[in-house]
PDB file of all heavy atoms in Angstrom:
ATOM      1  N   PRO A   1     196.779  56.893 118.306  1.00  0.00           N
ATOM      2  CA  PRO A   1     197.591  56.953 119.512  1.00  0.00           C
ATOM      3  C   PRO A   1     199.039  57.338 119.209  1.00  0.00           C
ATOM      4  O   PRO A   1     199.514  57.147 118.099  1.00  0.00           O
ATOM      5  CB  PRO A   1     197.545  55.503 120.013  1.00  0.00           C
ATOM      6  CG  PRO A   1     197.508  54.693 118.745  1.00  0.00           C
ATOM      7  CD  PRO A   1     196.643  55.510 117.800  1.00  0.00           C
ATOM      8  N   LEU A   2     199.704  57.869 120.234  1.00  0.00           N
ATOM      9  CA  LEU A   2     201.159  57.982 120.234  1.00  0.00           C
ATOM     10  C   LEU A   2     201.624  56.794 121.055  1.00  0.00           C
ATOM     11  O   LEU A   2     201.190  56.616 122.190  1.00  0.00           O
ATOM     12  CB  LEU A   2     201.620  59.287 120.877  1.00  0.00           C
ATOM     13  CG  LEU A   2     203.141  59.403 121.130  1.00  0.00           C
ATOM     14  CD1 LEU A   2     203.924  59.316 119.829  1.00  0.00           C
ATOM     15  CD2 LEU A   2     203.467  60.688 121.873  1.00  0.00           C
ATOM     16  N   TYR A   3     202.447  55.951 120.457  1.00  0.00           N
ATOM     17  CA  TYR A   3     202.859  54.727 121.135  1.00  0.00           C
ATOM     18  C   TYR A   3     204.320  54.439 120.869  1.00  0.00           C
ATOM     19  O   TYR A   3     204.954  55.058 120.013  1.00  0.00           O
ATOM     20  CB  TYR A   3     201.979  53.549 120.689  1.00  0.00           C
ATOM     21  CG  TYR A   3     202.210  53.146 119.255  1.00  0.00           C
ATOM     22  CD1 TYR A   3     203.109  52.128 118.933  1.00  0.00           C
ATOM     23  CD2 TYR A   3     201.554  53.787 118.213  1.00  0.00           C
ATOM     24  CE1 TYR A   3     203.336  51.760 117.616  1.00  0.00           C
ATOM     25  CE2 TYR A   3     201.771  53.423 116.891  1.00  0.00           C
ATOM     26  CZ  TYR A   3     202.668  52.418 116.599  1.00  0.00           C
ATOM     27  OH  TYR A   3     202.904  52.058 115.296  1.00  0.00           O
ATOM     28  N   LEU A   4     204.850  53.488 121.623  1.00  0.00           N
ATOM     29  CA  LEU A   4     206.214  53.039 121.395  1.00  0.00           C
ATOM     30  C   LEU A   4     206.307  51.547 121.674  1.00  0.00           C
ATOM     31  O   LEU A   4     205.483  50.982 122.392  1.00  0.00           O
ATOM     32  CB  LEU A   4     207.204  53.828 122.258  1.00  0.00           C
ATOM     33  CG  LEU A   4     207.048  53.738 123.767  1.00  0.00           C
ATOM     34  CD1 LEU A   4     207.803  52.536 124.339  1.00  0.00           C
ATOM     35  CD2 LEU A   4     207.555  55.009 124.415  1.00  0.00           C
ATOM     36  N   LEU A   5     207.301  50.954 121.073  1.00  0.00           N
ATOM     37  CA  LEU A   5     207.589  49.522 121.228  1.00  0.00           C
ATOM     38  C   LEU A   5     209.020  49.408 121.716  1.00  0.00           C
ATOM     39  O   LEU A   5     209.913  50.046 121.171  1.00  0.00           O
ATOM     40  CB  LEU A   5     207.432  48.805 119.880  1.00  0.00           C
ATOM     41  CG  LEU A   5     206.082  48.998 119.182  1.00  0.00           C
ATOM     42  CD1 LEU A   5     206.132  48.437 117.773  1.00  0.00           C
ATOM     43  CD2 LEU A   5     204.960  48.353 119.984  1.00  0.00           C
ATOM     44  N   THR A   6     209.235  48.593 122.731  1.00  0.00           N
ATOM     45  CA  THR A   6     210.591  48.467 123.262  1.00  0.00           C
ATOM     46  C   THR A   6     210.783  47.070 123.843  1.00  0.00           C
ATOM     47  O   THR A   6     210.000  46.162 123.566  1.00  0.00           O
ATOM     48  CB  THR A   6     210.899  49.600 124.277  1.00  0.00           C
ATOM     49  OG1 THR A   6     212.282  49.568 124.613  1.00  0.00           O
ATOM     50  CG2 THR A   6     210.040  49.507 125.517  1.00  0.00           C
ATOM     51  N   ASN A   7     211.826  46.919 124.614  1.00  0.00           N
ATOM     52  CA  ASN A   7     212.153  45.630 125.214  1.00  0.00           C
ATOM     53  C   ASN A   7     212.453  45.862 126.691  1.00  0.00           C
ATOM     54  O   ASN A   7     213.047  46.868 127.058  1.00  0.00           O
ATOM     55  CB  ASN A   7     213.392  45.049 124.509  1.00  0.00           C
ATOM     56  CG  ASN A   7     213.750  43.673 125.024  1.00  0.00           C
ATOM     57  OD1 ASN A   7     214.297  43.535 126.115  1.00  0.00           O
ATOM     58  ND2 ASN A   7     213.456  42.656 124.239  1.00  0.00           N
ATOM     59  N   ARG A   8     212.061  44.910 127.516  1.00  0.00           N
ATOM     60  CA  ARG A   8     212.231  45.091 128.967  1.00  0.00           C
ATOM     61  C   ARG A   8     213.692  45.247 129.379  1.00  0.00           C
ATOM     62  O   ARG A   8     213.975  45.744 130.456  1.00  0.00           O
ATOM     63  CB  ARG A   8     211.547  43.962 129.736  1.00  0.00           C
ATOM     64  CG  ARG A   8     212.115  42.588 129.508  1.00  0.00           C
ATOM     65  CD  ARG A   8     211.357  41.540 130.353  1.00  0.00           C
ATOM     66  NE  ARG A   8     211.666  40.212 129.887  1.00  0.00           N
ATOM     67  CZ  ARG A   8     210.895  39.500 129.063  1.00  0.00           C
ATOM     68  NH1 ARG A   8     209.753  39.987 128.645  1.00  0.00           N
ATOM     69  NH2 ARG A   8     211.264  38.301 128.676  1.00  0.00           N
ATOM     70  N   LYS A   9     214.650  44.860 128.511  1.00  0.00           N
ATOM     71  CA  LYS A   9     216.070  45.099 128.802  1.00  0.00           C
ATOM     72  C   LYS A   9     216.377  46.590 128.896  1.00  0.00           C
ATOM     73  O   LYS A   9     217.361  46.987 129.498  1.00  0.00           O
ATOM     74  CB  LYS A   9     216.956  44.523 127.676  1.00  0.00           C
ATOM     75  CG  LYS A   9     217.201  43.046 127.726  1.00  0.00           C
ATOM     76  CD  LYS A   9     218.324  42.751 126.740  1.00  0.00           C
ATOM     77  CE  LYS A   9     218.358  41.321 126.271  1.00  0.00           C
ATOM     78  NZ  LYS A   9     219.378  41.125 125.236  1.00  0.00           N
ATOM     79  N   CYS A  10     215.539  47.414 128.272  1.00  0.00           N
ATOM     80  CA  CYS A  10     215.744  48.864 128.243  1.00  0.00           C
ATOM     81  C   CYS A  10     215.076  49.508 129.450  1.00  0.00           C
ATOM     82  O   CYS A  10     214.266  50.421 129.339  1.00  0.00           O
ATOM     83  CB  CYS A  10     215.181  49.436 126.947  1.00  0.00           C
ATOM     84  SG  CYS A  10     215.876  48.721 125.457  1.00  0.00           S
ATOM     85  N   ALA A  11     215.439  49.040 130.643  1.00  0.00           N
ATOM     86  CA  ALA A  11     214.761  49.447 131.873  1.00  0.00           C
ATOM     87  C   ALA A  11     214.841  50.950 132.119  1.00  0.00           C
ATOM     88  O   ALA A  11     213.856  51.570 132.525  1.00  0.00           O
ATOM     89  CB  ALA A  11     215.338  48.679 133.060  1.00  0.00           C
ATOM     90  N   ALA A  12     215.992  51.563 131.892  1.00  0.00           N
ATOM     91  CA  ALA A  12     216.133  52.999 132.132  1.00  0.00           C
ATOM     92  C   ALA A  12     215.216  53.782 131.193  1.00  0.00           C
ATOM     93  O   ALA A  12     214.569  54.749 131.612  1.00  0.00           O
ATOM     94  CB  ALA A  12     217.583  53.435 131.958  1.00  0.00           C
ATOM     95  N   ALA A  13     215.143  53.359 129.941  1.00  0.00           N
ATOM     96  CA  ALA A  13     214.268  54.037 128.978  1.00  0.00           C
ATOM     97  C   ALA A  13     212.804  53.864 129.370  1.00  0.00           C
ATOM     98  O   ALA A  13     212.031  54.823 129.338  1.00  0.00           O
ATOM     99  CB  ALA A  13     214.511  53.494 127.572  1.00  0.00           C
ATOM    100  N   ILE A  14     212.419  52.662 129.765  1.00  0.00           N
ATOM    101  CA  ILE A  14     211.032  52.408 130.166  1.00  0.00           C
ATOM    102  C   ILE A  14     210.656  53.295 131.352  1.00  0.00           C
ATOM    103  O   ILE A  14     209.577  53.889 131.383  1.00  0.00           O
ATOM    104  CB  ILE A  14     210.810  50.909 130.464  1.00  0.00           C
ATOM    105  CG1 ILE A  14     210.904  50.116 129.161  1.00  0.00           C
ATOM    106  CG2 ILE A  14     209.466  50.682 131.152  1.00  0.00           C
ATOM    107  CD1 ILE A  14     210.985  48.611 129.340  1.00  0.00           C
ATOM    108  N   HIS A  15     211.572  53.421 132.310  1.00  0.00           N
ATOM    109  CA  HIS A  15     211.318  54.293 133.462  1.00  0.00           C
ATOM    110  C   HIS A  15     211.086  55.735 132.993  1.00  0.00           C
ATOM    111  O   HIS A  15     210.176  56.420 133.482  1.00  0.00           O
ATOM    112  CB  HIS A  15     212.493  54.215 134.441  1.00  0.00           C
ATOM    113  CG  HIS A  15     212.351  55.144 135.597  1.00  0.00           C
ATOM    114  ND1 HIS A  15     211.459  54.923 136.633  1.00  0.00           N
ATOM    115  CD2 HIS A  15     212.961  56.318 135.870  1.00  0.00           C
ATOM    116  CE1 HIS A  15     211.538  55.929 137.493  1.00  0.00           C
ATOM    117  NE2 HIS A  15     212.447  56.776 137.055  1.00  0.00           N
ATOM    118  N   LEU A  16     211.902  56.199 132.057  1.00  0.00           N
ATOM    119  CA  LEU A  16     211.750  57.551 131.523  1.00  0.00           C
ATOM    120  C   LEU A  16     210.407  57.701 130.812  1.00  0.00           C
ATOM    121  O   LEU A  16     209.703  58.699 131.007  1.00  0.00           O
ATOM    122  CB  LEU A  16     212.903  57.880 130.576  1.00  0.00           C
ATOM    123  CG  LEU A  16     212.864  59.254 129.906  1.00  0.00           C
ATOM    124  CD1 LEU A  16     212.883  60.370 130.940  1.00  0.00           C
ATOM    125  CD2 LEU A  16     214.040  59.397 128.948  1.00  0.00           C
ATOM    126  N   TYR A  17     210.034  56.718 129.998  1.00  0.00           N
ATOM    127  CA  TYR A  17     208.745  56.777 129.296  1.00  0.00           C
ATOM    128  C   TYR A  17     207.589  56.865 130.293  1.00  0.00           C
ATOM    129  O   TYR A  17     206.665  57.655 130.119  1.00  0.00           O
ATOM    130  CB  TYR A  17     208.547  55.554 128.393  1.00  0.00           C
ATOM    131  CG  TYR A  17     209.576  55.403 127.299  1.00  0.00           C
ATOM    132  CD1 TYR A  17     210.084  54.159 126.959  1.00  0.00           C
ATOM    133  CD2 TYR A  17     210.060  56.500 126.578  1.00  0.00           C
ATOM    134  CE1 TYR A  17     211.019  53.997 125.950  1.00  0.00           C
ATOM    135  CE2 TYR A  17     210.995  56.354 125.573  1.00  0.00           C
ATOM    136  CZ  TYR A  17     211.472  55.100 125.258  1.00  0.00           C
ATOM    137  OH  TYR A  17     212.402  54.941 124.263  1.00  0.00           O
ATOM    138  N   GLU A  18     207.663  56.048 131.340  1.00  0.00           N
ATOM    139  CA  GLU A  18     206.612  56.068 132.367  1.00  0.00           C
ATOM    140  C   GLU A  18     206.560  57.438 133.049  1.00  0.00           C
ATOM    141  O   GLU A  18     205.480  57.997 133.270  1.00  0.00           O
ATOM    142  CB  GLU A  18     206.862  54.973 133.406  1.00  0.00           C
ATOM    143  CG  GLU A  18     206.649  53.575 132.864  1.00  0.00           C
ATOM    144  CD  GLU A  18     207.154  52.467 133.780  1.00  0.00           C
ATOM    145  OE1 GLU A  18     207.981  52.734 134.686  1.00  0.00           O
ATOM    146  OE2 GLU A  18     206.728  51.317 133.571  1.00  0.00           O
ATOM    147  N   LYS A  19     207.733  57.977 133.363  1.00  0.00           N
ATOM    148  CA  LYS A  19     207.822  59.268 134.048  1.00  0.00           C
ATOM    149  C   LYS A  19     207.152  60.385 133.233  1.00  0.00           C
ATOM    150  O   LYS A  19     206.541  61.295 133.790  1.00  0.00           O
ATOM    151  CB  LYS A  19     209.301  59.599 134.289  1.00  0.00           C
ATOM    152  CG  LYS A  19     209.566  60.908 134.988  1.00  0.00           C
ATOM    153  CD  LYS A  19     211.063  61.094 135.201  1.00  0.00           C
ATOM    154  CE  LYS A  19     211.369  62.466 135.781  1.00  0.00           C
ATOM    155  NZ  LYS A  19     212.817  62.667 135.918  1.00  0.00           N
ATOM    156  N   LEU A  20     207.252  60.289 131.898  1.00  0.00           N
ATOM    157  CA  LEU A  20     206.706  61.338 131.041  1.00  0.00           C
ATOM    158  C   LEU A  20     205.312  61.016 130.487  1.00  0.00           C
ATOM    159  O   LEU A  20     204.839  61.708 129.604  1.00  0.00           O
ATOM    160  CB  LEU A  20     207.683  61.681 129.913  1.00  0.00           C
ATOM    161  CG  LEU A  20     208.667  62.777 130.344  1.00  0.00           C
ATOM    162  CD1 LEU A  20     209.781  62.228 131.205  1.00  0.00           C
ATOM    163  CD2 LEU A  20     209.245  63.505 129.164  1.00  0.00           C
ATOM    164  N   GLY A  21     204.650  59.975 131.002  1.00  0.00           N
ATOM    165  CA  GLY A  21     203.240  59.782 130.667  1.00  0.00           C
ATOM    166  C   GLY A  21     202.877  58.597 129.791  1.00  0.00           C
ATOM    167  O   GLY A  21     201.735  58.493 129.343  1.00  0.00           O
ATOM    168  N   PHE A  22     203.818  57.689 129.539  1.00  0.00           N
ATOM    169  CA  PHE A  22     203.487  56.478 128.775  1.00  0.00           C
ATOM    170  C   PHE A  22     203.048  55.377 129.735  1.00  0.00           C
ATOM    171  O   PHE A  22     203.577  55.263 130.837  1.00  0.00           O
ATOM    172  CB  PHE A  22     204.694  55.996 127.963  1.00  0.00           C
ATOM    173  CG  PHE A  22     204.913  56.777 126.697  1.00  0.00           C
ATOM    174  CD1 PHE A  22     205.673  57.934 126.708  1.00  0.00           C
ATOM    175  CD2 PHE A  22     204.355  56.362 125.501  1.00  0.00           C
ATOM    176  CE1 PHE A  22     205.875  58.667 125.546  1.00  0.00           C
ATOM    177  CE2 PHE A  22     204.550  57.083 124.328  1.00  0.00           C
ATOM    178  CZ  PHE A  22     205.314  58.240 124.353  1.00  0.00           C
ATOM    179  N   HIS A  23     202.076  54.583 129.297  1.00  0.00           N
ATOM    180  CA  HIS A  23     201.549  53.475 130.094  1.00  0.00           C
ATOM    181  C   HIS A  23     201.612  52.195 129.268  1.00  0.00           C
ATOM    182  O   HIS A  23     201.363  52.220 128.063  1.00  0.00           O
ATOM    183  CB  HIS A  23     200.096  53.757 130.498  1.00  0.00           C
ATOM    184  CG  HIS A  23     199.964  54.961 131.365  1.00  0.00           C
ATOM    185  ND1 HIS A  23     199.977  54.888 132.730  1.00  0.00           N
ATOM    186  CD2 HIS A  23     199.858  56.287 131.056  1.00  0.00           C
ATOM    187  CE1 HIS A  23     199.869  56.118 133.226  1.00  0.00           C
ATOM    188  NE2 HIS A  23     199.806  56.977 132.233  1.00  0.00           N
ATOM    189  N   HIS A  24     201.894  51.075 129.926  1.00  0.00           N
ATOM    190  CA  HIS A  24     201.923  49.775 129.256  1.00  0.00           C
ATOM    191  C   HIS A  24     200.540  49.494 128.698  1.00  0.00           C
ATOM    192  O   HIS A  24     199.531  49.805 129.339  1.00  0.00           O
ATOM    193  CB  HIS A  24     202.374  48.691 130.245  1.00  0.00           C
ATOM    194  CG  HIS A  24     203.778  48.923 130.725  1.00  0.00           C
ATOM    195  ND1 HIS A  24     204.863  48.315 130.152  1.00  0.00           N
ATOM    196  CD2 HIS A  24     204.274  49.751 131.682  1.00  0.00           C
ATOM    197  CE1 HIS A  24     205.966  48.733 130.749  1.00  0.00           C
ATOM    198  NE2 HIS A  24     205.629  49.611 131.686  1.00  0.00           N
ATOM    199  N   ASP A  25     200.477  48.930 127.484  1.00  0.00           N
ATOM    200  CA  ASP A  25     199.203  48.802 126.796  1.00  0.00           C
ATOM    201  C   ASP A  25     199.150  47.528 125.950  1.00  0.00           C
ATOM    202  O   ASP A  25     199.856  47.411 124.954  1.00  0.00           O
ATOM    203  CB  ASP A  25     199.005  50.042 125.915  1.00  0.00           C
ATOM    204  CG  ASP A  25     197.607  50.171 125.365  1.00  0.00           C
ATOM    205  OD1 ASP A  25     197.211  49.319 124.548  1.00  0.00           O
ATOM    206  OD2 ASP A  25     196.912  51.135 125.752  1.00  0.00           O
ATOM    207  N   ALA A  26     198.295  46.602 126.359  1.00  0.00           N
ATOM    208  CA  ALA A  26     198.161  45.323 125.647  1.00  0.00           C
ATOM    209  C   ALA A  26     197.593  45.519 124.241  1.00  0.00           C
ATOM    210  O   ALA A  26     197.945  44.797 123.312  1.00  0.00           O
ATOM    211  CB  ALA A  26     197.279  44.368 126.446  1.00  0.00           C
ATOM    212  N   GLY A  27     196.723  46.507 124.073  1.00  0.00           N
ATOM    213  CA  GLY A  27     196.149  46.775 122.749  1.00  0.00           C
ATOM    214  C   GLY A  27     197.202  47.222 121.753  1.00  0.00           C
ATOM    215  O   GLY A  27     197.190  46.807 120.590  1.00  0.00           O
ATOM    216  N   ILE A  28     198.118  48.066 122.206  1.00  0.00           N
ATOM    217  CA  ILE A  28     199.216  48.515 121.341  1.00  0.00           C
ATOM    218  C   ILE A  28     200.090  47.316 120.974  1.00  0.00           C
ATOM    219  O   ILE A  28     200.486  47.150 119.820  1.00  0.00           O
ATOM    220  CB  ILE A  28     200.052  49.622 122.032  1.00  0.00           C
ATOM    221  CG1 ILE A  28     199.213  50.895 122.222  1.00  0.00           C
ATOM    222  CG2 ILE A  28     201.339  49.900 121.272  1.00  0.00           C
ATOM    223  CD1 ILE A  28     198.788  51.594 120.950  1.00  0.00           C
ATOM    224  N   MET A  29     200.365  46.452 121.954  1.00  0.00           N
ATOM    225  CA  MET A  29     201.161  45.257 121.676  1.00  0.00           C
ATOM    226  C   MET A  29     200.473  44.403 120.610  1.00  0.00           C
ATOM    227  O   MET A  29     201.106  43.953 119.658  1.00  0.00           O
ATOM    228  CB  MET A  29     201.383  44.444 122.967  1.00  0.00           C
ATOM    229  CG  MET A  29     202.209  43.186 122.744  1.00  0.00           C
ATOM    230  SD  MET A  29     203.890  43.515 122.171  1.00  0.00           S
ATOM    231  CE  MET A  29     204.699  43.771 123.737  1.00  0.00           C
ATOM    232  N   ALA A  30     199.170  44.215 120.753  1.00  0.00           N
ATOM    233  CA  ALA A  30     198.415  43.390 119.798  1.00  0.00           C
ATOM    234  C   ALA A  30     198.414  44.023 118.406  1.00  0.00           C
ATOM    235  O   ALA A  30     198.580  43.332 117.405  1.00  0.00           O
ATOM    236  CB  ALA A  30     196.990  43.197 120.301  1.00  0.00           C
ATOM    237  N   ASP A  31     198.256  45.338 118.349  1.00  0.00           N
ATOM    238  CA  ASP A  31     198.137  46.025 117.056  1.00  0.00           C
ATOM    239  C   ASP A  31     199.468  46.221 116.345  1.00  0.00           C
ATOM    240  O   ASP A  31     199.527  46.176 115.119  1.00  0.00           O
ATOM    241  CB  ASP A  31     197.481  47.398 117.233  1.00  0.00           C
ATOM    242  CG  ASP A  31     196.007  47.298 117.616  1.00  0.00           C
ATOM    243  OD1 ASP A  31     195.429  46.195 117.509  1.00  0.00           O
ATOM    244  OD2 ASP A  31     195.454  48.330 118.045  1.00  0.00           O
ATOM    245  N   TYR A  32     200.547  46.489 117.107  1.00  0.00           N
ATOM    246  CA  TYR A  32     201.797  46.914 116.477  1.00  0.00           C
ATOM    247  C   TYR A  32     203.034  46.106 116.879  1.00  0.00           C
ATOM    248  O   TYR A  32     204.075  46.232 116.239  1.00  0.00           O
ATOM    249  CB  TYR A  32     202.089  48.391 116.823  1.00  0.00           C
ATOM    250  CG  TYR A  32     200.991  49.336 116.433  1.00  0.00           C
ATOM    251  CD1 TYR A  32     200.109  49.838 117.382  1.00  0.00           C
ATOM    252  CD2 TYR A  32     200.834  49.745 115.108  1.00  0.00           C
ATOM    253  CE1 TYR A  32     199.100  50.731 117.036  1.00  0.00           C
ATOM    254  CE2 TYR A  32     199.834  50.634 114.753  1.00  0.00           C
ATOM    255  CZ  TYR A  32     198.963  51.118 115.720  1.00  0.00           C
ATOM    256  OH  TYR A  32     197.975  51.996 115.362  1.00  0.00           O
ATOM    257  N   GLY A  33     202.954  45.316 117.935  1.00  0.00           N
ATOM    258  CA  GLY A  33     204.131  44.680 118.518  1.00  0.00           C
ATOM    259  C   GLY A  33     204.902  43.733 117.623  1.00  0.00           C
ATOM    260  O   GLY A  33     206.085  43.508 117.833  1.00  0.00           O
ATOM    261  N   ALA A  34     204.255  43.193 116.611  1.00  0.00           N
ATOM    262  CA  ALA A  34     204.933  42.213 115.751  1.00  0.00           C
ATOM    263  C   ALA A  34     205.958  42.847 114.805  1.00  0.00           C
ATOM    264  O   ALA A  34     206.686  42.128 114.131  1.00  0.00           O
ATOM    265  CB  ALA A  34     203.901  41.440 114.935  1.00  0.00           C
ATOM    266  N   ARG A  35     206.040  44.174 114.787  1.00  0.00           N
ATOM    267  CA  ARG A  35     206.971  44.837 113.864  1.00  0.00           C
ATOM    268  C   ARG A  35     208.425  44.506 114.154  1.00  0.00           C
ATOM    269  O   ARG A  35     209.261  44.548 113.258  1.00  0.00           O
ATOM    270  CB  ARG A  35     206.785  46.352 113.912  1.00  0.00           C
ATOM    271  CG  ARG A  35     205.493  46.784 113.246  1.00  0.00           C
ATOM    272  CD  ARG A  35     205.377  48.276 113.136  1.00  0.00           C
ATOM    273  NE  ARG A  35     206.497  48.838 112.386  1.00  0.00           N
ATOM    274  CZ  ARG A  35     206.825  50.122 112.438  1.00  0.00           C
ATOM    275  NH1 ARG A  35     206.175  50.948 113.199  1.00  0.00           N
ATOM    276  NH2 ARG A  35     207.838  50.570 111.725  1.00  0.00           N
ATOM    277  N   TYR A  36     208.743  44.211 115.426  1.00  0.00           N
ATOM    278  CA  TYR A  36     210.128  43.929 115.795  1.00  0.00           C
ATOM    279  C   TYR A  36     210.185  42.628 116.577  1.00  0.00           C
ATOM    280  O   TYR A  36     209.386  42.413 117.479  1.00  0.00           O
ATOM    281  CB  TYR A  36     210.699  45.038 116.708  1.00  0.00           C
ATOM    282  CG  TYR A  36     210.673  46.404 116.100  1.00  0.00           C
ATOM    283  CD1 TYR A  36     209.628  47.279 116.373  1.00  0.00           C
ATOM    284  CD2 TYR A  36     211.685  46.833 115.245  1.00  0.00           C
ATOM    285  CE1 TYR A  36     209.586  48.551 115.816  1.00  0.00           C
ATOM    286  CE2 TYR A  36     211.652  48.107 114.686  1.00  0.00           C
ATOM    287  CZ  TYR A  36     210.596  48.958 114.980  1.00  0.00           C
ATOM    288  OH  TYR A  36     210.565  50.210 114.429  1.00  0.00           O
ATOM    289  N   GLU A  37     211.157  41.786 116.260  1.00  0.00           N
ATOM    290  CA  GLU A  37     211.348  40.545 117.016  1.00  0.00           C
ATOM    291  C   GLU A  37     211.630  40.841 118.483  1.00  0.00           C
ATOM    292  O   GLU A  37     211.183  40.117 119.359  1.00  0.00           O
ATOM    293  CB  GLU A  37     212.539  39.761 116.445  1.00  0.00           C
ATOM    294  CG  GLU A  37     212.166  38.839 115.321  1.00  0.00           C
ATOM    295  CD  GLU A  37     213.362  38.030 114.854  1.00  0.00           C
ATOM    296  OE1 GLU A  37     214.080  37.460 115.701  1.00  0.00           O
ATOM    297  OE2 GLU A  37     213.570  37.978 113.635  1.00  0.00           O
ATOM    298  N   ARG A  38     212.396  41.909 118.750  1.00  0.00           N
ATOM    299  CA  ARG A  38     212.823  42.184 120.123  1.00  0.00           C
ATOM    300  C   ARG A  38     211.741  42.834 120.979  1.00  0.00           C
ATOM    301  O   ARG A  38     211.927  43.034 122.170  1.00  0.00           O
ATOM    302  CB  ARG A  38     214.086  43.043 120.131  1.00  0.00           C
ATOM    303  CG  ARG A  38     213.877  44.446 119.582  1.00  0.00           C
ATOM    304  CD  ARG A  38     215.159  45.273 119.635  1.00  0.00           C
ATOM    305  NE  ARG A  38     214.981  46.555 118.986  1.00  0.00           N
ATOM    306  CZ  ARG A  38     215.290  46.808 117.727  1.00  0.00           C
ATOM    307  NH1 ARG A  38     215.817  45.865 116.970  1.00  0.00           N
ATOM    308  NH2 ARG A  38     215.083  48.002 117.217  1.00  0.00           N
TER     309      ARG A  38
END
């Protein structure tokens, strides 16, 4: 997959990611989310 990890404080960025085809994904969170505390 092409994925990204971010924080809900980055609302403008999340909106941009959604606009260009990214979707929230629990599997990505489970597989990769622990890389960053934030």
